[in-house]
Each structure stands twice: as structure tokens, then as C-alpha cells.
Protein backbone atom coordinates (compact mmCIF):
# COMPACT_ATOMS: atom_id res chain seq x y z
CA UNK A 1 -23.44 -36.29 -227.62
CA UNK A 2 -21.47 -35.26 -230.66
CA UNK A 3 -18.11 -36.24 -229.05
CA UNK A 4 -17.13 -38.40 -232.13
CA UNK A 5 -17.96 -35.69 -234.82
CA UNK A 6 -15.17 -35.03 -237.24
CA UNK A 7 -13.33 -31.68 -237.18
CA UNK A 8 -15.10 -30.57 -240.39
CA UNK A 9 -18.60 -31.44 -239.03
CA UNK A 10 -17.78 -29.43 -235.82
CA UNK A 11 -16.51 -26.54 -237.99
CA UNK A 12 -19.72 -26.61 -239.98
CA UNK A 13 -21.75 -26.59 -236.85
CA UNK A 14 -19.80 -23.51 -235.65
CA UNK A 15 -20.33 -21.87 -239.04
CA UNK A 16 -24.09 -22.43 -238.83
CA UNK A 17 -24.37 -21.05 -235.34
CA UNK A 18 -22.24 -17.98 -236.17
CA UNK A 19 -24.20 -17.21 -239.30
CA UNK A 20 -27.46 -17.60 -237.42
CA UNK A 21 -26.25 -15.18 -234.66
CA UNK A 22 -24.93 -12.58 -236.96
CA UNK A 23 -27.80 -12.33 -239.56
CA UNK A 24 -30.73 -14.05 -237.90
CA UNK A 25 -30.82 -16.85 -240.44
CA UNK A 26 -28.74 -19.96 -241.03
CA UNK A 27 -26.66 -20.43 -244.12
CA UNK A 28 -27.85 -22.20 -247.17
CA UNK A 29 -26.42 -25.50 -248.33
CA UNK A 30 -24.47 -23.75 -251.10
CA UNK A 31 -23.10 -21.26 -248.68
CA UNK A 32 -21.87 -24.08 -246.51
CA UNK A 33 -20.40 -25.80 -249.66
CA UNK A 34 -18.54 -22.63 -250.68
CA UNK A 35 -17.17 -21.96 -247.13
CA UNK A 36 -15.81 -25.50 -246.75
CA UNK A 37 -14.83 -26.38 -250.32
CA UNK A 38 -17.65 -29.01 -250.77
CA UNK A 39 -18.56 -29.20 -254.39
CA UNK A 40 -22.01 -30.78 -254.25
CA UNK A 41 -25.00 -30.06 -252.11
CA UNK A 42 -25.20 -33.77 -251.46
CA UNK A 43 -21.85 -33.66 -249.84
CA UNK A 44 -23.13 -30.86 -247.57
CA UNK A 45 -26.19 -32.85 -246.76
CA UNK A 46 -24.04 -35.67 -245.53
CA UNK A 47 -22.67 -33.35 -242.72
CA UNK A 48 -26.05 -31.83 -242.07
CA UNK A 49 -27.54 -35.31 -241.65
CA UNK A 50 -24.89 -36.20 -239.24
CA UNK A 51 -25.44 -33.10 -237.06
CA UNK A 52 -29.13 -33.64 -237.08
CA UNK A 53 -28.74 -37.30 -236.04
CA UNK A 54 -26.61 -36.02 -233.13
CA UNK A 55 -29.48 -33.69 -232.18
CA UNK A 56 -27.22 -30.66 -232.70
CA UNK A 57 -29.40 -28.91 -235.30
CA UNK A 58 -32.98 -29.02 -236.47
CA UNK A 59 -34.11 -28.51 -240.04
CA UNK A 60 -37.19 -26.91 -241.32
CA UNK A 61 -38.53 -29.20 -244.10
CA UNK A 62 -38.65 -27.35 -247.48
CA UNK A 63 -36.96 -24.15 -246.27
CA UNK A 64 -34.14 -22.84 -248.45
CA UNK A 65 -32.06 -22.19 -245.33
CA UNK A 66 -32.88 -25.49 -243.86
CA UNK A 67 -30.19 -26.02 -241.22
CA UNK A 68 -31.08 -24.41 -237.94
CA UNK A 69 -28.63 -24.69 -234.98
CA UNK A 70 -31.08 -25.63 -232.40
CA UNK A 71 -31.19 -28.93 -230.35
CA UNK A 72 -34.79 -30.21 -230.45
CA UNK A 73 -34.28 -32.24 -227.31
CA UNK A 74 -32.87 -29.39 -225.31
CA UNK A 75 -35.11 -26.23 -225.86
CA UNK A 76 -33.70 -22.96 -224.67
CA UNK A 77 -31.55 -20.08 -225.65
CA UNK A 78 -28.27 -21.08 -227.34
CA UNK A 79 -25.10 -19.95 -225.49
CA UNK A 80 -22.92 -19.14 -228.51
CA UNK A 81 -19.63 -18.59 -226.73
CA UNK A 82 -17.78 -15.81 -224.91
CA UNK A 83 -17.70 -12.04 -225.37
CA UNK A 84 -15.08 -9.70 -224.12
CA UNK A 85 -16.01 -7.07 -221.51
CA UNK A 86 -12.59 -5.64 -221.61
CA UNK A 87 -10.39 -5.12 -224.61
CA UNK A 88 -11.82 -6.70 -227.71
CA UNK A 89 -10.70 -10.24 -228.35
CA UNK A 90 -11.23 -12.73 -231.02
CA UNK A 91 -14.81 -14.11 -230.69
CA UNK A 92 -14.88 -17.94 -230.13
CA UNK A 93 -18.48 -18.71 -231.16
CA UNK A 94 -19.71 -22.11 -230.64
CA UNK A 95 -22.69 -23.51 -228.84
CA UNK A 96 -21.57 -24.45 -225.31
CA UNK A 97 -24.94 -24.97 -223.72
CA UNK A 98 -28.48 -23.73 -223.46
CA UNK A 99 -30.37 -21.43 -221.04
CA UNK A 100 -33.82 -22.47 -219.80
CA UNK A 101 -36.15 -19.90 -221.35
CA UNK A 102 -38.70 -20.46 -218.48
CA UNK A 103 -36.21 -18.89 -216.11
CA UNK A 104 -35.83 -15.77 -218.04
CA UNK A 105 -38.12 -12.96 -217.15
CA UNK A 106 -36.81 -10.02 -219.29
CA UNK A 107 -36.76 -9.15 -223.04
CA UNK A 108 -36.98 -11.56 -225.86
CA UNK A 109 -33.36 -12.46 -226.54
CA UNK A 110 -32.09 -14.34 -229.58
CA UNK A 111 -28.87 -15.75 -228.09
CA UNK A 112 -26.57 -15.48 -225.03
CA UNK A 113 -22.91 -14.85 -224.66
CA UNK A 114 -20.75 -15.52 -221.64
CA UNK A 115 -18.86 -12.40 -220.52
CA UNK A 116 -15.11 -12.33 -219.96
CA UNK A 117 -13.62 -9.38 -218.17
CA UNK A 118 -15.03 -6.60 -215.88
CA UNK A 119 -15.08 -3.48 -218.13
CA UNK A 120 -18.94 -3.36 -217.79
CA UNK A 121 -19.19 -3.97 -214.01
CA UNK A 122 -20.65 -0.49 -213.45
CA UNK A 123 -23.54 -1.65 -215.52
CA UNK A 124 -23.90 -4.80 -213.42
CA UNK A 125 -22.29 -7.05 -215.97
CA UNK A 126 -19.66 -9.16 -214.27
CA UNK A 127 -17.05 -11.63 -215.37
CA UNK A 128 -18.69 -14.95 -215.89
CA UNK A 129 -22.20 -13.54 -216.41
CA UNK A 130 -24.19 -14.30 -219.56
CA UNK A 131 -25.63 -11.41 -221.52
CA UNK A 132 -28.91 -12.00 -223.39
CA UNK A 133 -28.72 -10.44 -226.74
CA UNK A 134 -31.53 -9.42 -229.10
CA UNK A 135 -30.42 -9.03 -232.68
CA UNK A 136 -30.71 -5.30 -233.60
CA UNK A 137 -28.15 -3.54 -235.86
CA UNK A 138 -29.43 -0.08 -235.07
CA UNK A 139 -29.02 0.65 -231.42
CA UNK A 140 -29.81 4.03 -229.72
CA UNK A 141 -27.26 6.16 -227.90
CA UNK A 142 -26.62 4.74 -224.47
CA UNK A 143 -27.74 1.11 -225.17
CA UNK A 144 -25.39 -1.76 -224.25
CA UNK A 145 -24.42 -3.67 -227.48
CA UNK A 146 -22.48 -6.57 -228.63
CA UNK A 147 -20.11 -5.27 -231.33
CA UNK A 148 -17.91 -6.87 -233.82
CA UNK A 149 -15.02 -4.80 -234.93
CA UNK A 150 -13.24 -6.68 -237.78
CA UNK A 151 -12.92 -10.21 -236.29
CA UNK A 152 -12.92 -9.02 -232.66
CA UNK A 153 -15.91 -8.79 -230.40
CA UNK A 154 -16.76 -6.85 -227.27
CA UNK A 155 -19.70 -5.64 -225.21
CA UNK A 156 -19.91 -1.96 -224.48
CA UNK A 157 -22.30 1.03 -224.32
CA UNK A 158 -22.94 2.50 -227.75
CA UNK A 159 -22.74 6.16 -228.68
CA UNK A 160 -22.57 7.77 -232.15
CA UNK A 161 -20.42 10.97 -232.25
CA UNK A 162 -20.62 12.46 -235.74
CA UNK A 163 -18.71 10.25 -238.07
CA UNK A 164 -17.35 8.17 -235.10
CA UNK A 165 -18.82 5.44 -232.95
CA UNK A 166 -17.78 5.36 -229.27
CA UNK A 167 -17.96 2.05 -227.44
CA UNK A 168 -17.89 3.10 -223.75
CA UNK A 169 -16.96 0.85 -220.92
CA UNK A 170 -18.59 1.00 -217.50
CA UNK A 171 -15.34 0.89 -215.63
CA UNK A 172 -12.86 3.72 -215.28
CA UNK A 173 -9.90 1.30 -215.52
CA UNK A 174 -10.74 0.87 -219.31
CA UNK A 175 -10.47 3.32 -222.14
CA UNK A 176 -13.35 3.86 -224.65
CA UNK A 177 -13.02 2.22 -228.13
CA UNK A 178 -13.38 4.83 -230.88
CA UNK A 179 -14.25 3.51 -234.14
CA UNK A 180 -13.59 5.78 -237.11
CA UNK A 181 -13.62 5.30 -240.99
CA UNK A 182 -10.21 4.00 -240.88
CA UNK A 183 -11.00 1.37 -238.30
CA UNK A 184 -11.88 -2.25 -239.17
CA UNK A 185 -15.48 -2.75 -240.16
CA UNK A 186 -17.94 -2.26 -237.37
CA UNK A 187 -21.00 -4.45 -236.96
CA UNK A 188 -23.54 -4.31 -234.19
CA UNK A 189 -24.72 -7.94 -233.66
CA UNK A 190 -27.34 -6.87 -231.15
CA UNK A 191 -28.29 -5.11 -228.00
CA UNK A 192 -28.18 -6.50 -224.47
CA UNK A 193 -31.65 -6.99 -223.01
CA UNK A 194 -30.74 -8.89 -219.89
CA UNK A 195 -28.03 -10.49 -217.74
CA UNK A 196 -28.17 -14.00 -216.49
CA UNK A 197 -26.09 -14.96 -213.43
CA UNK A 198 -25.84 -18.41 -212.00
CA UNK A 199 -25.60 -18.65 -208.25
CA UNK A 200 -24.29 -21.54 -206.21
């Protein structure tokens, strides 16, 4: 499904999913148009219609932010891509699958990210695991968060130290990431409320 989509349609789908994950609401048609240089909302609707026909999004009729990146035929939690549990890396957010919500027992997550690296292994988060993330921009000290530093994302334990934020790994092979006023913009996309590990 969706294998024959154009590059622009795929990019629009990625933008919808990323916006949904970062702020809890999908972009408006005008926001999509500005992002991709599409002058009319009818032009945007053409791509939205294609994505909906492919079952890649679902729209709420009459809603201003009408494009929702959810596959109606595959209910579950969107896996939006990979997150670094090591040094921060450029986040590659795109829906790569869905988790069956009936198999989740903890928390009320909004999305999932697959972990790369082992900087959080002391917290039981291993390479290849999926962290379940609840959107929350105001974590408490000691909570494990998904952080965006400029365009780079990572999962670490959060601590505020005066004017600085320390993102602490759970592996002595890795150094803490210290975010100061001179650092790229820090955004907390959410806190980790669970870990999902597939076993053979």
C-alpha cells in the first residue's frame, strides 16, 4: 500500500506525521501548502485525497486541521521512526508501522520510536526496542524523555540544573549532554512511559 506514491506525497505524509508528533495536532492545509510551495488549498487537497485513498491518513470532516496521520484499517500506535540512544542523530521520522494497542499494558502513549544505540541500557532500554512516548513538554527531574536539540533527537534522562539542562545517559560509556543558552534550541517532545520489545 502506498508504494506508487510520488516523492512529494511521501514528503507530505512525513510532514503530517512529524507535526502531529511534535505538537499533538496535524498541520492545516495552508501550513502544508506553505511548506511545499503549493499555492492553492485545492492543490494540497489533491495530495491529501491520494493519501486518504491509500489508507495512510484519516480526516475528521469539518475540522480545520483535517489531515490525521492514522491508518483506519490498521488501528494502533504509530511508530514514527528511530530515536538515538547514544549521541544525538538526525531524526528520521516517518511511519514505519503500528503497534497493537491491545498488547500494551502501561501508560497512555501517543506514539512510539525505535531505539538505536545502547546509552540507556541501564534503564532497560536496549538497541532495537521501541519506546512508548506520551507528549509532555514539561518533564520532572529524573524522567526519561525524547529530546530534540536543533534538528537532532535523542532519548535520555532529564535533569534541570539552574540555567542548564542535562540529558543523562544510563551507560557509563556515554557522556551527559549539557544544553545551555548557547546550544541549539531544546524541545522536549515527550516522556517515555513504556518500552516495547519484540521477542522471537
